[in-house]
N, C-alpha and C. Protein backbone atom coordinates (compact mmCIF):
# COMPACT_ATOMS: atom_id res chain seq x y z
N MET A 1 76.68 -47.42 35.46
CA MET A 1 77.06 -46.07 35.12
C MET A 1 78.38 -45.75 35.82
N ALA A 2 79.31 -45.17 35.11
CA ALA A 2 80.63 -44.87 35.66
C ALA A 2 80.57 -43.69 36.62
N LEU A 3 81.36 -43.81 37.68
CA LEU A 3 81.45 -42.72 38.65
C LEU A 3 82.64 -41.84 38.31
N ASN A 4 82.43 -40.54 38.36
CA ASN A 4 83.49 -39.57 38.12
C ASN A 4 83.89 -38.94 39.45
N ASN A 5 85.08 -38.40 39.50
CA ASN A 5 85.57 -37.73 40.70
C ASN A 5 85.25 -36.24 40.61
N TYR A 6 84.70 -35.70 41.69
CA TYR A 6 84.34 -34.28 41.74
C TYR A 6 84.75 -33.70 43.08
N GLU A 7 84.91 -32.38 43.08
CA GLU A 7 84.99 -31.66 44.33
C GLU A 7 84.16 -30.40 44.20
N THR A 8 83.55 -30.03 45.29
CA THR A 8 82.72 -28.83 45.29
C THR A 8 83.03 -28.00 46.52
N VAL A 9 83.03 -26.71 46.33
CA VAL A 9 83.19 -25.77 47.44
C VAL A 9 81.95 -24.89 47.41
N PHE A 10 81.30 -24.77 48.56
CA PHE A 10 80.17 -23.85 48.62
C PHE A 10 80.34 -22.93 49.81
N ILE A 11 79.79 -21.72 49.65
CA ILE A 11 79.91 -20.69 50.67
C ILE A 11 78.53 -20.41 51.24
N LEU A 12 78.40 -20.60 52.55
CA LEU A 12 77.14 -20.34 53.24
C LEU A 12 77.17 -18.92 53.80
N THR A 13 76.00 -18.33 53.93
CA THR A 13 75.89 -16.99 54.48
C THR A 13 76.40 -16.97 55.93
N PRO A 14 77.09 -15.92 56.33
CA PRO A 14 77.68 -15.88 57.67
C PRO A 14 76.69 -15.60 58.79
N ILE A 15 75.44 -15.28 58.48
CA ILE A 15 74.48 -14.93 59.53
C ILE A 15 73.83 -16.15 60.17
N LEU A 16 74.19 -17.35 59.71
CA LEU A 16 73.61 -18.57 60.27
C LEU A 16 74.23 -18.89 61.62
N SER A 17 73.43 -19.48 62.49
CA SER A 17 73.97 -19.97 63.75
C SER A 17 74.79 -21.23 63.48
N GLU A 18 75.51 -21.68 64.49
CA GLU A 18 76.33 -22.88 64.33
C GLU A 18 75.46 -24.09 63.96
N GLN A 19 74.30 -24.22 64.61
CA GLN A 19 73.41 -25.34 64.32
C GLN A 19 72.83 -25.25 62.91
N GLN A 20 72.47 -24.06 62.48
CA GLN A 20 71.93 -23.88 61.12
C GLN A 20 72.99 -24.22 60.08
N THR A 21 74.24 -23.87 60.36
CA THR A 21 75.34 -24.18 59.45
C THR A 21 75.52 -25.70 59.36
N LYS A 22 75.51 -26.38 60.51
CA LYS A 22 75.65 -27.84 60.51
C LYS A 22 74.50 -28.50 59.77
N ASP A 23 73.29 -27.97 59.94
CA ASP A 23 72.13 -28.51 59.25
C ASP A 23 72.26 -28.36 57.73
N ALA A 24 72.75 -27.20 57.29
CA ALA A 24 72.91 -26.96 55.86
C ALA A 24 73.94 -27.91 55.26
N VAL A 25 75.06 -28.09 55.94
CA VAL A 25 76.10 -29.01 55.45
C VAL A 25 75.55 -30.43 55.42
N ALA A 26 74.85 -30.83 56.48
CA ALA A 26 74.27 -32.18 56.54
C ALA A 26 73.25 -32.40 55.43
N LYS A 27 72.50 -31.35 55.09
CA LYS A 27 71.50 -31.46 54.02
C LYS A 27 72.16 -31.84 52.69
N PHE A 28 73.28 -31.17 52.36
CA PHE A 28 73.93 -31.44 51.08
C PHE A 28 74.67 -32.78 51.09
N LEU A 29 75.22 -33.16 52.23
CA LEU A 29 75.85 -34.48 52.32
C LEU A 29 74.80 -35.59 52.20
N GLN A 30 73.64 -35.37 52.80
CA GLN A 30 72.55 -36.34 52.69
C GLN A 30 72.04 -36.43 51.26
N LEU A 31 71.98 -35.30 50.58
CA LEU A 31 71.56 -35.28 49.18
C LEU A 31 72.50 -36.14 48.34
N LEU A 32 73.80 -36.01 48.57
CA LEU A 32 74.78 -36.83 47.85
C LEU A 32 74.59 -38.31 48.18
N ALA A 33 74.35 -38.62 49.44
CA ALA A 33 74.13 -40.01 49.84
C ALA A 33 72.87 -40.57 49.19
N ASP A 34 71.81 -39.76 49.13
CA ASP A 34 70.57 -40.20 48.49
C ASP A 34 70.74 -40.47 47.00
N GLN A 35 71.66 -39.74 46.39
CA GLN A 35 71.93 -39.90 44.95
C GLN A 35 72.99 -40.98 44.69
N LYS A 36 73.34 -41.72 45.75
CA LYS A 36 74.31 -42.82 45.67
C LYS A 36 75.71 -42.35 45.29
N ALA A 37 76.07 -41.16 45.75
CA ALA A 37 77.42 -40.65 45.57
C ALA A 37 78.26 -41.09 46.77
N GLU A 38 79.53 -41.31 46.53
CA GLU A 38 80.45 -41.71 47.59
C GLU A 38 81.25 -40.49 48.03
N VAL A 39 80.98 -40.01 49.24
CA VAL A 39 81.69 -38.84 49.76
C VAL A 39 83.03 -39.31 50.32
N LEU A 40 84.11 -38.76 49.74
CA LEU A 40 85.46 -39.16 50.15
C LEU A 40 86.02 -38.29 51.26
N ASN A 41 85.70 -37.00 51.21
CA ASN A 41 86.29 -36.07 52.17
C ASN A 41 85.39 -34.85 52.31
N THR A 42 85.24 -34.39 53.53
CA THR A 42 84.50 -33.17 53.81
C THR A 42 85.35 -32.32 54.74
N GLU A 43 85.54 -31.07 54.37
CA GLU A 43 86.29 -30.15 55.21
C GLU A 43 85.48 -28.87 55.37
N GLU A 44 85.29 -28.48 56.61
CA GLU A 44 84.65 -27.20 56.87
C GLU A 44 85.75 -26.20 57.15
N TRP A 45 85.99 -25.31 56.21
CA TRP A 45 87.08 -24.34 56.33
C TRP A 45 86.71 -23.19 57.24
N GLY A 46 85.44 -23.06 57.53
CA GLY A 46 84.99 -22.05 58.48
C GLY A 46 84.73 -20.69 57.87
N LEU A 47 84.59 -19.72 58.75
CA LEU A 47 84.26 -18.35 58.35
C LEU A 47 85.52 -17.67 57.82
N ARG A 48 85.44 -17.18 56.59
CA ARG A 48 86.58 -16.53 55.96
C ARG A 48 86.13 -15.25 55.28
N LYS A 49 87.07 -14.35 55.14
CA LYS A 49 86.81 -13.08 54.46
C LYS A 49 86.72 -13.35 52.96
N LEU A 50 85.73 -12.74 52.31
CA LEU A 50 85.55 -12.89 50.87
C LEU A 50 86.44 -11.88 50.14
N ALA A 51 86.82 -12.20 48.92
CA ALA A 51 87.62 -11.28 48.11
C ALA A 51 86.79 -10.06 47.71
N TYR A 52 85.50 -10.25 47.56
CA TYR A 52 84.58 -9.15 47.24
C TYR A 52 83.24 -9.47 47.88
N GLU A 53 82.44 -8.46 48.08
CA GLU A 53 81.15 -8.65 48.74
C GLU A 53 80.20 -9.46 47.87
N ILE A 54 79.47 -10.36 48.52
CA ILE A 54 78.42 -11.13 47.87
C ILE A 54 77.15 -10.90 48.69
N LYS A 55 76.12 -10.40 48.06
CA LYS A 55 74.86 -10.11 48.74
C LYS A 55 75.08 -9.25 49.99
N HIS A 56 75.93 -8.25 49.86
CA HIS A 56 76.25 -7.29 50.92
C HIS A 56 76.91 -7.94 52.13
N LYS A 57 77.57 -9.08 51.94
CA LYS A 57 78.28 -9.78 53.02
C LYS A 57 79.77 -9.79 52.65
N SER A 58 80.62 -9.56 53.65
CA SER A 58 82.06 -9.55 53.40
C SER A 58 82.75 -10.83 53.89
N THR A 59 81.99 -11.72 54.56
CA THR A 59 82.52 -13.00 55.00
C THR A 59 81.56 -14.11 54.60
N GLY A 60 82.04 -15.34 54.63
CA GLY A 60 81.21 -16.49 54.31
C GLY A 60 81.78 -17.74 54.96
N TYR A 61 80.94 -18.74 55.15
CA TYR A 61 81.35 -20.01 55.75
C TYR A 61 81.63 -21.00 54.62
N TYR A 62 82.90 -21.39 54.47
CA TYR A 62 83.33 -22.24 53.37
C TYR A 62 83.25 -23.72 53.74
N VAL A 63 82.76 -24.53 52.79
CA VAL A 63 82.70 -25.99 52.98
C VAL A 63 83.22 -26.64 51.70
N PHE A 64 84.12 -27.62 51.87
CA PHE A 64 84.73 -28.36 50.76
C PHE A 64 84.28 -29.81 50.85
N VAL A 65 83.82 -30.37 49.72
CA VAL A 65 83.39 -31.77 49.69
C VAL A 65 84.00 -32.43 48.45
N GLU A 66 84.64 -33.57 48.66
CA GLU A 66 85.19 -34.37 47.56
C GLU A 66 84.38 -35.66 47.48
N PHE A 67 83.94 -36.03 46.27
CA PHE A 67 83.07 -37.19 46.15
C PHE A 67 83.17 -37.83 44.78
N ASN A 68 82.71 -39.08 44.70
CA ASN A 68 82.57 -39.81 43.44
C ASN A 68 81.08 -39.93 43.16
N ALA A 69 80.69 -39.62 41.93
CA ALA A 69 79.26 -39.68 41.58
C ALA A 69 79.11 -39.81 40.08
N ALA A 70 77.91 -40.21 39.68
CA ALA A 70 77.55 -40.23 38.27
C ALA A 70 77.28 -38.78 37.83
N ALA A 71 77.45 -38.51 36.57
CA ALA A 71 77.33 -37.15 36.04
C ALA A 71 75.98 -36.48 36.34
N PRO A 72 74.84 -37.18 36.24
CA PRO A 72 73.56 -36.51 36.51
C PRO A 72 73.39 -36.00 37.95
N VAL A 73 74.17 -36.53 38.86
CA VAL A 73 74.08 -36.10 40.26
C VAL A 73 74.46 -34.62 40.39
N ILE A 74 75.37 -34.16 39.56
CA ILE A 74 75.84 -32.78 39.63
C ILE A 74 74.69 -31.81 39.37
N ASN A 75 73.85 -32.12 38.40
CA ASN A 75 72.70 -31.25 38.13
C ASN A 75 71.76 -31.18 39.32
N VAL A 76 71.53 -32.30 39.98
CA VAL A 76 70.65 -32.33 41.16
C VAL A 76 71.27 -31.50 42.29
N LEU A 77 72.56 -31.70 42.53
CA LEU A 77 73.25 -30.98 43.60
C LEU A 77 73.25 -29.47 43.35
N GLU A 78 73.58 -29.06 42.13
CA GLU A 78 73.64 -27.63 41.83
C GLU A 78 72.26 -26.98 41.84
N THR A 79 71.24 -27.73 41.47
CA THR A 79 69.87 -27.20 41.57
C THR A 79 69.53 -26.92 43.02
N GLU A 80 69.91 -27.82 43.91
CA GLU A 80 69.66 -27.60 45.34
C GLU A 80 70.45 -26.42 45.88
N PHE A 81 71.69 -26.25 45.40
CA PHE A 81 72.48 -25.09 45.81
C PHE A 81 71.76 -23.80 45.41
N ARG A 82 71.22 -23.77 44.19
CA ARG A 82 70.54 -22.57 43.69
C ARG A 82 69.25 -22.29 44.48
N ARG A 83 68.57 -23.33 44.90
CA ARG A 83 67.29 -23.17 45.61
C ARG A 83 67.47 -22.75 47.06
N ASP A 84 68.59 -23.10 47.66
CA ASP A 84 68.81 -22.84 49.08
C ASP A 84 69.32 -21.42 49.28
N GLU A 85 68.58 -20.64 50.04
CA GLU A 85 68.93 -19.24 50.28
C GLU A 85 70.18 -19.10 51.14
N ARG A 86 70.56 -20.15 51.85
CA ARG A 86 71.75 -20.09 52.71
C ARG A 86 73.04 -20.13 51.91
N VAL A 87 72.99 -20.63 50.67
CA VAL A 87 74.19 -20.76 49.84
C VAL A 87 74.38 -19.48 49.02
N MET A 88 75.54 -18.84 49.23
CA MET A 88 75.84 -17.61 48.50
C MET A 88 76.52 -17.92 47.17
N ARG A 89 77.46 -18.85 47.16
CA ARG A 89 78.17 -19.24 45.95
C ARG A 89 78.53 -20.71 46.04
N PHE A 90 78.79 -21.34 44.88
CA PHE A 90 79.26 -22.72 44.85
C PHE A 90 80.05 -22.94 43.57
N LEU A 91 80.94 -23.90 43.61
CA LEU A 91 81.72 -24.28 42.44
C LEU A 91 81.99 -25.77 42.51
N THR A 92 81.58 -26.49 41.48
CA THR A 92 81.82 -27.92 41.39
C THR A 92 82.79 -28.17 40.25
N THR A 93 83.82 -28.96 40.52
CA THR A 93 84.87 -29.22 39.54
C THR A 93 85.03 -30.72 39.34
N SER A 94 85.15 -31.14 38.08
CA SER A 94 85.46 -32.52 37.76
C SER A 94 86.98 -32.69 37.86
N LEU A 95 87.42 -33.75 38.51
CA LEU A 95 88.85 -33.95 38.76
C LEU A 95 89.46 -34.92 37.75
N ASP A 96 90.66 -34.58 37.28
CA ASP A 96 91.41 -35.51 36.43
C ASP A 96 92.27 -36.41 37.33
N LYS A 97 93.02 -37.32 36.73
CA LYS A 97 93.78 -38.29 37.52
C LYS A 97 94.85 -37.62 38.39
N HIS A 98 95.41 -36.51 37.93
CA HIS A 98 96.43 -35.82 38.70
C HIS A 98 95.83 -35.15 39.93
N ALA A 99 94.66 -34.56 39.77
CA ALA A 99 93.99 -33.92 40.91
C ALA A 99 93.55 -34.97 41.92
N VAL A 100 93.11 -36.12 41.45
CA VAL A 100 92.71 -37.21 42.35
C VAL A 100 93.92 -37.67 43.16
N ALA A 101 95.07 -37.83 42.51
CA ALA A 101 96.29 -38.24 43.21
C ALA A 101 96.71 -37.19 44.23
N TYR A 102 96.62 -35.93 43.86
CA TYR A 102 96.95 -34.84 44.77
C TYR A 102 96.03 -34.86 46.00
N ASN A 103 94.72 -35.03 45.77
CA ASN A 103 93.77 -35.05 46.89
C ASN A 103 94.01 -36.24 47.81
N GLU A 104 94.40 -37.38 47.25
CA GLU A 104 94.70 -38.54 48.08
C GLU A 104 95.89 -38.25 49.00
N LYS A 105 96.93 -37.60 48.44
CA LYS A 105 98.09 -37.23 49.25
C LYS A 105 97.71 -36.21 50.32
N ARG A 106 96.87 -35.26 49.95
CA ARG A 106 96.45 -34.22 50.89
C ARG A 106 95.64 -34.82 52.04
N ARG A 107 94.73 -35.77 51.70
CA ARG A 107 93.93 -36.43 52.73
C ARG A 107 94.79 -37.25 53.69
N SER A 108 95.85 -37.86 53.17
CA SER A 108 96.71 -38.69 54.01
C SER A 108 97.67 -37.86 54.85
N GLY A 109 97.72 -36.55 54.62
CA GLY A 109 98.54 -35.67 55.45
C GLY A 109 99.95 -35.46 54.95
N LYS A 110 100.24 -35.80 53.71
CA LYS A 110 101.59 -35.62 53.19
C LYS A 110 101.99 -34.16 53.05
N PHE A 111 101.01 -33.27 52.99
CA PHE A 111 101.31 -31.85 52.83
C PHE A 111 101.15 -31.08 54.13
N ASN A 112 101.05 -31.77 55.24
CA ASN A 112 100.88 -31.14 56.53
C ASN A 112 102.22 -30.55 56.97
N LYS A 113 102.35 -29.25 56.96
CA LYS A 113 103.61 -28.59 57.25
C LYS A 113 104.07 -28.80 58.69
N LYS A 114 103.14 -28.97 59.63
CA LYS A 114 103.52 -29.16 61.02
C LYS A 114 104.29 -30.45 61.21
N THR A 115 103.87 -31.53 60.54
CA THR A 115 104.59 -32.79 60.69
C THR A 115 105.93 -32.73 59.96
N GLU A 116 106.00 -32.02 58.84
CA GLU A 116 107.26 -31.89 58.11
C GLU A 116 108.29 -31.17 58.96
N THR A 117 107.90 -30.07 59.60
CA THR A 117 108.84 -29.32 60.42
C THR A 117 109.23 -30.12 61.66
N ALA A 118 108.33 -30.91 62.20
CA ALA A 118 108.63 -31.75 63.35
C ALA A 118 109.65 -32.83 62.98
N GLU A 119 109.50 -33.39 61.77
CA GLU A 119 110.43 -34.41 61.31
C GLU A 119 111.82 -33.83 61.08
N VAL A 120 111.87 -32.61 60.53
CA VAL A 120 113.14 -31.96 60.26
C VAL A 120 113.85 -31.61 61.57
N ALA A 121 113.06 -31.17 62.56
CA ALA A 121 113.62 -30.79 63.85
C ALA A 121 114.15 -32.00 64.62
N ALA A 122 113.57 -33.16 64.41
CA ALA A 122 113.95 -34.37 65.14
C ALA A 122 115.20 -34.97 64.61
């Protein structure tokens, strides 16, 4: 079965402790591993202000995951997102070849502004 490239962003409720947040992220990463998905990148963006209130909350803990998986894995992952009360919102996107190339550059640090300014200054 062919693997497709995906990225998902999910927002956890801000009332979780640091350990509960880590447990929630680990749960979804383990779910992907159990479904034989290859996790390429995980970024915890942290607590951020929401554009609008969700469930009477004005902030949320953002997590970004990039992975390769078979198409049926997405249904399993999104079902778990819906079942978990800690997840306020989620969005999973299938990536085309241009988005995959962009993400590879981003992971390698080509868009890191701090290194660009350091190189220009030197």
